[in-house]
Structures are given as C-alpha cells and as structure tokens.
Protein backbone atom coordinates (compact mmCIF):
# COMPACT_ATOMS: atom_id res chain seq x y z
CA MET A 1 -14.13 -6.33 -15.87
CA THR A 2 -14.08 -8.09 -12.52
CA THR A 3 -11.24 -7.81 -10.08
CA ARG A 4 -10.84 -10.30 -7.31
CA VAL A 5 -8.25 -11.22 -4.64
CA SER A 6 -7.83 -14.45 -2.73
CA ARG A 7 -5.07 -15.65 -0.26
CA LEU A 8 -3.54 -19.09 -0.13
CA ALA A 9 -2.74 -20.79 3.23
CA ASN A 10 0.79 -19.54 3.08
CA GLU A 11 -0.60 -15.85 2.64
CA LEU A 12 0.33 -15.65 -0.97
CA ARG A 13 -2.18 -13.12 -2.64
CA VAL A 14 -3.79 -14.27 -5.96
CA ALA A 15 -5.36 -11.29 -7.86
CA THR A 16 -7.19 -11.39 -11.14
CA ASP A 17 -8.51 -8.72 -13.54
CA THR A 18 -10.83 -10.73 -15.80
CA ILE A 19 -11.46 -9.31 -19.36
CA GLN A 20 -13.47 -11.81 -21.31
CA THR A 21 -13.16 -9.84 -24.67
CA VAL A 22 -9.53 -10.73 -25.15
CA ASP A 23 -7.70 -14.00 -25.86
CA THR A 24 -4.62 -13.50 -23.96
CA VAL A 25 -3.58 -13.45 -20.22
CA SER A 26 -0.65 -11.52 -18.65
CA LEU A 27 0.41 -13.00 -15.35
CA GLY A 28 3.37 -12.68 -13.06
CA ILE A 29 4.62 -12.96 -9.59
CA TRP A 30 5.70 -9.73 -7.91
CA VAL A 31 8.01 -9.83 -4.86
CA ASP A 32 8.08 -7.02 -2.39
CA VAL A 33 11.82 -6.84 -2.24
CA GLY A 34 14.51 -5.04 -4.39
CA THR A 35 17.93 -3.37 -4.46
CA ARG A 36 17.21 -1.34 -1.21
CA HIS A 37 16.96 -4.62 0.69
CA GLU A 38 20.41 -5.68 -0.20
CA PRO A 39 23.44 -5.34 2.30
CA ALA A 40 26.16 -3.04 0.79
CA ALA A 41 28.43 -5.99 0.42
CA VAL A 42 26.14 -7.80 -2.09
CA ASN A 43 24.89 -4.82 -4.11
CA GLY A 44 23.42 -6.37 -7.21
CA ALA A 45 22.40 -9.59 -5.76
CA ALA A 46 18.73 -8.95 -6.21
CA HIS A 47 19.31 -8.31 -9.92
CA PHE A 48 21.70 -11.35 -10.35
CA LEU A 49 19.03 -13.55 -8.78
CA GLU A 50 16.53 -12.41 -11.40
CA HIS A 51 18.91 -13.36 -14.11
CA MET A 52 19.69 -16.78 -12.67
CA ALA A 53 16.07 -17.57 -12.30
CA PHE A 54 16.14 -18.25 -16.18
CA LYS A 55 19.22 -20.23 -16.17
CA GLY A 56 17.96 -23.63 -15.33
CA THR A 57 15.88 -25.60 -12.78
CA GLU A 58 15.60 -29.14 -11.58
CA ARG A 59 13.30 -29.99 -14.50
CA ARG A 60 14.27 -27.39 -17.29
CA SER A 61 17.44 -26.23 -18.77
CA ALA A 62 17.99 -22.58 -19.58
CA ARG A 63 17.11 -23.50 -23.21
CA ASP A 64 14.13 -25.42 -22.26
CA ILE A 65 12.78 -22.34 -20.43
CA ALA A 66 13.11 -20.27 -23.49
CA GLU A 67 11.84 -22.77 -25.90
CA GLU A 68 8.82 -23.92 -24.01
CA ILE A 69 7.26 -20.49 -23.69
CA GLU A 70 8.04 -19.57 -27.32
CA ALA A 71 6.75 -22.88 -28.53
CA VAL A 72 3.23 -21.60 -27.59
CA GLY A 73 3.91 -17.93 -28.90
CA GLY A 74 4.25 -16.50 -25.45
CA HIS A 75 7.02 -14.66 -23.72
CA LEU A 76 8.67 -14.66 -20.31
CA ASN A 77 10.64 -11.84 -18.71
CA ALA A 78 11.62 -10.23 -15.46
CA TYR A 79 12.86 -6.96 -13.97
CA THR A 80 14.40 -5.67 -10.62
CA SER A 81 13.65 -2.28 -9.22
CA ARG A 82 14.86 -0.55 -6.04
CA GLU A 83 11.65 -1.84 -4.09
CA SER A 84 10.29 -4.96 -5.93
CA THR A 85 11.23 -7.67 -8.44
CA ALA A 86 8.86 -9.22 -10.98
CA TYR A 87 8.71 -12.38 -13.03
CA TYR A 88 6.02 -12.32 -15.62
CA ALA A 89 4.51 -13.88 -18.93
CA LYS A 90 2.09 -13.25 -21.62
CA VAL A 91 0.41 -16.12 -23.29
CA LEU A 92 -2.73 -17.21 -24.96
CA LYS A 93 -5.51 -18.02 -22.33
CA GLU A 94 -5.14 -21.81 -22.88
CA ASP A 95 -1.48 -21.64 -21.88
CA VAL A 96 -1.88 -20.12 -18.52
CA PRO A 97 -1.11 -23.41 -16.80
CA LEU A 98 2.08 -23.71 -18.63
CA ALA A 99 3.08 -20.11 -17.88
CA LEU A 100 2.34 -20.44 -14.16
CA ASP A 101 4.21 -23.80 -13.93
CA MET A 102 7.19 -22.10 -15.53
CA LEU A 103 7.05 -19.12 -13.18
CA ALA A 104 6.64 -21.43 -10.08
CA ASP A 105 9.49 -23.65 -11.26
CA ILE A 106 12.02 -20.82 -11.73
CA LEU A 107 11.21 -19.34 -8.42
CA GLN A 108 11.35 -22.56 -6.42
CA ASN A 109 13.50 -25.01 -8.23
CA SER A 110 16.45 -23.04 -9.93
CA THR A 111 19.67 -24.82 -9.52
CA PHE A 112 22.02 -21.90 -9.79
CA ASP A 113 24.47 -24.01 -11.95
CA PRO A 114 28.07 -22.75 -11.28
CA ASP A 115 28.91 -22.70 -14.98
CA GLU A 116 25.60 -20.79 -15.83
CA LEU A 117 26.36 -18.35 -13.05
CA GLU A 118 29.77 -17.50 -14.44
CA ARG A 119 28.37 -17.02 -17.86
CA GLU A 120 25.60 -14.75 -16.46
CA ARG A 121 28.13 -12.85 -14.38
CA THR A 122 29.80 -11.75 -17.69
CA VAL A 123 26.43 -10.92 -19.16
CA ILE A 124 25.63 -8.68 -16.25
CA LEU A 125 28.92 -6.95 -16.38
CA GLN A 126 28.23 -6.28 -20.22
CA GLU A 127 24.80 -4.88 -19.12
CA ILE A 128 26.40 -2.52 -16.67
CA GLY A 129 28.96 -1.56 -19.40
CA GLN A 130 26.20 -0.83 -21.66
CA ALA A 131 24.47 1.38 -19.16
CA ASN A 132 27.57 3.26 -18.33
CA ASP A 133 27.90 3.99 -22.21
CA THR A 134 24.39 5.43 -22.23
CA PRO A 135 24.63 8.87 -20.46
CA ASP A 136 20.97 9.67 -20.43
CA ASP A 137 20.44 6.40 -18.66
CA ILE A 138 23.40 6.17 -16.14
CA ILE A 139 22.90 9.86 -15.09
CA PHE A 140 19.74 8.66 -13.09
CA ASP A 141 21.90 6.21 -11.19
CA HIS A 142 24.28 9.01 -10.29
CA PHE A 143 21.23 11.24 -9.38
CA GLN A 144 19.83 8.51 -7.06
CA GLU A 145 23.27 8.03 -5.47
CA CYS A 146 23.61 11.78 -4.95
CA ALA A 147 20.11 11.99 -3.48
CA TYR A 148 20.60 9.04 -1.14
CA PRO A 149 24.30 8.79 -0.51
CA GLU A 150 25.86 5.87 1.45
CA GLN A 151 22.53 4.04 1.87
CA ALA A 152 20.67 1.28 0.18
CA MET A 153 18.26 3.46 -1.75
CA GLY A 154 21.16 5.11 -3.53
CA ARG A 155 22.91 2.02 -4.81
CA PRO A 156 22.47 0.90 -8.52
CA VAL A 157 20.05 -1.85 -9.39
CA LEU A 158 22.66 -3.58 -11.60
CA GLY A 159 25.18 -3.47 -8.86
CA ARG A 160 28.68 -2.23 -8.83
CA PRO A 161 31.04 -4.06 -11.19
CA GLU A 162 33.65 -4.68 -8.60
CA ILE A 163 31.00 -6.48 -6.39
CA ILE A 164 29.44 -8.39 -9.35
CA ARG A 165 33.01 -9.69 -10.29
CA SER A 166 33.34 -11.42 -7.05
CA LEU A 167 29.63 -12.11 -5.92
CA ALA A 168 29.59 -15.68 -4.76
CA ARG A 169 26.92 -18.32 -5.73
CA ASP A 170 26.07 -18.70 -1.95
CA ALA A 171 25.33 -14.99 -1.69
CA VAL A 172 22.80 -15.18 -4.49
CA VAL A 173 21.03 -18.28 -3.16
CA ALA A 174 21.10 -16.70 0.41
CA TYR A 175 19.32 -13.66 -0.99
CA LEU A 176 16.58 -15.84 -2.44
CA ARG A 177 16.27 -17.93 0.83
CA ASP A 178 16.24 -14.89 3.08
CA HIS A 179 13.86 -12.55 1.08
CA TYR A 180 11.36 -14.48 -1.00
CA GLY A 181 8.47 -15.37 1.24
CA ALA A 182 4.75 -15.91 0.12
CA GLN A 183 3.68 -12.85 2.37
CA ARG A 184 5.70 -10.58 0.38
CA MET A 185 4.45 -11.98 -2.95
CA VAL A 186 1.50 -11.33 -5.29
CA LEU A 187 0.52 -13.56 -8.18
CA ALA A 188 -1.47 -11.21 -10.50
CA ALA A 189 -3.07 -11.95 -13.81
CA ALA A 190 -5.17 -9.85 -16.25
CA GLY A 191 -7.02 -11.01 -19.45
CA ASN A 192 -9.37 -13.91 -20.25
CA ILE A 193 -8.80 -15.68 -16.88
CA GLU A 194 -10.93 -17.43 -14.39
CA HIS A 195 -10.08 -16.50 -10.88
CA GLU A 196 -10.88 -19.77 -9.29
CA ARG A 197 -8.86 -21.63 -11.88
CA LEU A 198 -5.90 -19.50 -11.11
CA VAL A 199 -6.38 -19.94 -7.35
CA ASP A 200 -6.49 -23.78 -7.84
CA LEU A 201 -3.37 -23.72 -9.91
CA ALA A 202 -1.53 -21.47 -7.52
CA ASP A 203 -2.49 -23.78 -4.67
CA THR A 204 -1.03 -26.68 -6.49
CA LEU A 205 2.17 -24.88 -7.78
CA LEU A 206 3.03 -22.33 -5.06
CA SER A 207 1.66 -23.60 -1.83
CA ALA A 208 5.22 -24.81 -0.78
CA LEU A 209 6.62 -21.29 -0.71
CA PRO A 210 7.53 -20.39 2.91
CA ALA A 211 5.09 -17.87 4.26
CA GLU A 212 7.32 -15.57 6.19
CA ARG A 213 10.79 -13.85 5.55
CA ALA A 214 11.77 -11.06 7.94
CA VAL A 215 13.21 -8.46 5.64
CA SER A 216 14.82 -5.41 7.07
CA THR A 217 14.54 -2.06 5.20
CA GLU A 218 17.07 0.82 5.70
CA PRO A 219 14.97 4.06 5.92
CA ALA A 220 15.44 6.44 3.00
CA ARG A 221 17.16 9.68 4.07
CA TYR A 222 17.40 12.35 1.46
CA ALA A 223 20.72 14.25 1.47
CA GLY A 224 21.33 15.76 -1.95
CA GLY A 225 24.58 17.14 -3.26
CA ASP A 226 26.51 17.76 -6.35
CA ARG A 227 28.07 15.22 -8.74
CA ARG A 228 29.89 15.92 -11.97
CA GLU A 229 31.70 13.60 -14.30
CA ASN A 230 33.77 14.73 -17.30
CA ARG A 231 33.33 12.67 -20.47
CA ASP A 232 34.08 13.27 -24.11
CA LEU A 233 30.61 13.38 -25.34
CA GLU A 234 28.70 15.56 -27.82
CA GLN A 235 26.07 16.41 -25.08
CA LEU A 236 26.02 17.47 -21.48
CA HIS A 237 23.39 15.35 -19.66
CA LEU A 238 22.16 16.86 -16.34
CA VAL A 239 19.43 16.19 -13.73
CA LEU A 240 18.41 18.90 -11.29
CA GLY A 241 16.43 17.29 -8.43
CA PHE A 242 14.78 17.90 -5.16
CA PRO A 243 13.16 15.79 -2.35
CA GLY A 244 9.56 14.64 -3.39
CA VAL A 245 6.69 12.88 -1.77
CA THR A 246 6.18 9.22 -0.99
CA LEU A 247 3.80 6.89 -2.81
CA GLY A 248 1.39 6.89 0.02
CA ASP A 249 1.41 10.82 0.56
CA PRO A 250 -1.85 12.48 -0.15
CA ASP A 251 -0.07 14.91 -2.41
CA TYR A 252 1.47 12.19 -4.68
CA TYR A 253 -1.05 12.68 -7.52
CA ALA A 254 -1.01 16.41 -7.19
CA ALA A 255 2.84 16.21 -7.56
CA SER A 256 2.28 14.04 -10.74
CA VAL A 257 -0.15 16.60 -12.10
CA LEU A 258 2.58 19.27 -11.35
CA SER A 259 5.28 17.34 -13.11
CA THR A 260 3.09 16.82 -16.21
CA ALA A 261 2.25 20.63 -16.54
CA PHE A 262 5.81 21.40 -15.83
CA GLY A 263 7.59 19.07 -18.09
CA GLY A 264 5.41 16.21 -19.23
CA GLY A 265 4.88 16.87 -22.98
CA MET A 266 5.41 19.33 -25.96
CA SER A 267 3.02 21.77 -24.50
CA SER A 268 4.58 21.85 -21.10
CA ARG A 269 6.43 24.83 -19.65
CA LEU A 270 9.82 23.33 -19.86
CA PHE A 271 9.57 22.14 -23.47
CA GLN A 272 7.96 25.47 -24.73
CA GLU A 273 10.35 27.76 -22.79
CA ILE A 274 13.58 25.84 -22.82
CA ARG A 275 13.45 24.08 -26.21
CA GLU A 276 10.90 25.93 -28.32
CA LYS A 277 11.62 29.51 -27.28
CA ARG A 278 15.33 29.37 -26.40
CA GLY A 279 16.55 26.39 -28.38
CA LEU A 280 18.87 25.16 -25.50
CA VAL A 281 18.07 21.46 -25.55
CA TYR A 282 16.86 18.66 -27.69
CA ALA A 283 15.37 16.48 -24.87
CA ILE A 284 13.94 17.75 -21.61
CA HIS A 285 11.31 16.59 -19.12
CA SER A 286 10.43 16.56 -15.46
CA PHE A 287 9.72 13.48 -13.29
CA VAL A 288 8.39 12.19 -10.01
CA HIS A 289 9.80 9.07 -8.48
CA GLY A 290 7.87 7.89 -5.40
CA TYR A 291 9.10 5.25 -2.89
CA ARG A 292 7.56 3.86 0.30
CA ASP A 293 9.26 6.31 2.53
CA GLY A 294 10.83 8.82 0.16
CA GLY A 295 10.53 10.48 -3.20
CA LEU A 296 12.15 12.69 -5.75
CA PHE A 297 11.14 15.46 -8.07
CA GLY A 298 13.48 16.52 -10.83
CA ILE A 299 14.34 17.81 -14.20
CA TYR A 300 16.32 16.02 -16.95
CA ALA A 301 17.90 17.86 -19.84
CA GLY A 302 20.47 17.25 -22.54
CA THR A 303 22.35 20.34 -24.01
CA GLY A 304 25.63 21.26 -25.93
CA GLU A 305 28.66 22.39 -23.92
CA ASP A 306 28.20 26.01 -25.26
CA GLU A 307 24.51 26.23 -23.99
CA ALA A 308 25.13 24.76 -20.54
CA ALA A 309 25.88 28.18 -18.99
CA GLU A 310 22.53 29.42 -20.11
CA LEU A 311 20.53 26.33 -19.58
CA VAL A 312 21.10 25.88 -15.82
CA PRO A 313 20.00 29.37 -14.72
CA ALA A 314 16.99 29.07 -17.08
CA LEU A 315 16.04 25.83 -15.30
CA CYS A 316 16.41 27.36 -11.94
CA ASP A 317 14.27 30.25 -12.98
CA GLU A 318 11.49 27.90 -14.26
CA ALA A 319 11.62 25.84 -11.01
CA LEU A 320 11.26 28.96 -8.87
CA LYS A 321 8.23 30.00 -10.81
CA LEU A 322 6.47 26.79 -9.75
CA GLN A 323 5.61 28.51 -6.44
CA ASP A 324 3.32 30.95 -8.41
CA GLY A 325 1.27 27.87 -9.47
CA PHE A 326 -0.25 27.03 -12.93
CA THR A 327 -3.10 28.41 -14.93
CA GLU A 328 -6.48 26.70 -15.06
CA VAL A 329 -5.70 25.88 -18.79
CA GLU A 330 -2.25 24.33 -17.84
CA LEU A 331 -3.89 22.19 -14.99
CA LYS A 332 -6.79 21.05 -17.21
CA ARG A 333 -4.45 19.98 -20.03
CA ALA A 334 -2.17 18.09 -17.52
CA LYS A 335 -5.06 16.23 -15.98
CA ALA A 336 -6.36 15.42 -19.41
CA GLN A 337 -2.92 13.91 -20.21
CA MET A 338 -2.86 11.84 -17.23
CA LYS A 339 -6.35 10.74 -17.50
CA ALA A 340 -5.82 9.59 -21.30
CA GLY A 341 -2.60 7.90 -20.28
CA LEU A 342 -4.35 5.88 -17.47
CA LEU A 343 -7.22 4.90 -19.74
CA MET A 344 -4.89 3.96 -22.69
CA SER A 345 -2.98 1.78 -20.25
CA LEU A 346 -6.06 -0.05 -19.26
CA GLU A 347 -6.19 -1.40 -22.85
CA SER A 348 -3.12 -3.42 -22.27
CA THR A 349 -3.39 -6.66 -20.21
CA SER A 350 0.35 -6.30 -19.26
CA ALA A 351 -0.09 -2.77 -17.79
CA ARG A 352 -3.31 -3.91 -15.90
CA CYS A 353 -1.57 -6.84 -14.48
CA GLU A 354 1.33 -4.84 -13.16
CA GLN A 355 -0.91 -2.08 -11.87
CA LEU A 356 -2.96 -4.80 -9.94
CA ALA A 357 0.16 -6.33 -8.47
CA GLN A 358 1.87 -3.09 -7.56
CA HIS A 359 -1.38 -1.70 -5.89
CA LEU A 360 -1.47 -4.80 -3.62
CA LEU A 361 2.16 -4.66 -2.66
CA ILE A 362 2.22 -0.78 -2.02
CA TYR A 363 -1.38 -0.08 -0.67
CA GLY A 364 -2.75 -3.51 0.10
CA THR A 365 -5.81 -3.06 -2.08
CA PRO A 366 -6.24 -3.78 -5.81
CA PHE A 367 -7.24 -0.24 -6.69
C-alpha cells in the first residue's frame, strides 16, 4: 500500500492509495460544501445539484452517462451530506480514464436542461416523500433540526418540499458557480492505480476548474429542545440526544469508544439492559455525529406505545450511569469492535477512497 498526494496548479488535491493486488479502482471527487453552506431560501440546492449532474452534459445525455459506465461493468453515484458532496465511481483498472472523464464532464459541463430539471424536481419530491414515510430515517432529520434550530446545520439535506417545488434553475446553477472551486475539492482513488497517471489525467481533465470560491459557513450553535409528532404507526421512534464533540476534538475517538460500549452492538449496555433484560425495544443503538465545529451524541430506540412510559426513564437511567465509566472488559470489547471495523473497511477500495478524501478535506492530511 502506497499513499501519495499531489496538487495541480489550480490547487486541486489528487490523492491515491495504491493496492496492486486488486483489479479495480474506486475514485471520486469530494467537494468541501454541503447543506450547511446553503442560504435558507434555497435549502436543498446542494442535493438538487448532485442529482442534476447526472442529467446531461454538453457531450453526453443522461442516458449516455448511465450506459457508458455500465458498458464497462462500472458504476457511478453521488451523495450529499451536511458538510460535503461526493461524486464517485468504481471500475476495472483499465477503465479509470473513462470514469474520470465522466466525473470531470458532469462537474464542468452539465447543461441543466429545463425539461430534465422539472423531471428531477419530481424525483426529489418523491425521495422526500419516501424519507417522510420512513420514521426511523426522518426522525434523525427532526433531531438535527431540534439540536440546531433556525440555522443551516439543522436543515434537511433533501430540502423542504415547499422550496424544492419552486427552486429555480438559476439557483441551482448559481450554487455550483459559487461553491465548487478546486481548492475545496479532492480527487481520490484507491485500488490498482498509478499516482502519476492519475495526476496527468486530472491535469488534462480538471485543470480548468476555478481555484477559489469564497464560501461562508454559519457557525453551528447547539440549542436542543423537544419535538413530538403524532402518527398512526405501530412503533414509537425516539432519539434522546446531547451536544457532542467536533471531528477535530482530541476526545472524538474516546467518544466513539464510549458510544460503541454504550450502544454499539448486541453486547452493549443498551442492548443488554433495554432489549435483552427488559424487552422494551426491538432496535436500539447509540451514535456519535461529529462536524467541523459541532457534534452530537445520542440514543435511538423504537418501541411500542405501551412500553414508551417505561422506556424513556430507563434510557435516562442508563445515560446517567455513563458518568461512572465502563469496566475494563467493556472498554476492551468496544476497542476491539472499532479496530476490527476499521481493518475490515480497509479491504474495500470504496471505503479506502472515501476515507482518504475525507481525511484530506477535514484534517488536511491523508491519515
């Protein structure tokens, strides 16, 4: 394994994690902007842009984009989060030039065809509707909004339906123009890849990207509160959350060990006490969400209506016990889970590629 990082003249970072024992390459372009960088009036623009990137360029139709990558057995995808956006592919090693050409094309030459945009508007509204119909999914959006009310960090990644319905083409194009600069991007690849070859390809295909884009970021200010929504469901879904640590905090990994020991598996305290001993839930876990300047620690549980009155005090009791710490056996087990999870992820070129890109975006180093 060899990891290298280079910079193009426009400050785009090109990073590779070379693994010569595989025949595939995962590669992608990660952009250091997401939902939290949107003005409130265009909430959902970052995600809308991600969708439109696949809907046609000056050289390729939407169908061409799908067919070209699948003709070589590869796949192309993207995602938007609160702090970053990613466009990525996985292909056989000989098809890296095609994959990078396609990634460069959709990021630089998308046409934002008005007819395609209207169709995609409907698709995104369907996506929002599906998320709203999935209570153990949408509850985390509600939790985020409750933790960070009336601010960018609390807004939904998919956007609000009333905004998506009226979001103009010009607003989506403006988001791309104002936020996508090479200094805020990382081209990462993991697999059977030659670093110099990728740098040469990137220099040919991506050197025209503008270097700087001044992006403002509204600080994250945790507030907290209480939100309840009545629905006719079999289960009651709840999140009990607290302010956590940032991604750069020296205690971030300690918080992750705590969360693993507390609610990270079948041997965890929450699973054993709340499910196995008391039978109050089917699903339960704890989590740590870290951001650049904020963080969250929380518990998710799903329970029946009759069990809710007993569940909430039980969760609070278990949370209060955290101040007494964990046994050595619990800590050893949690660390082993995290270590194994990390090592297992290193067997995936996709996971290694994303880890490389995110480390460069967040910490400025590949490790």
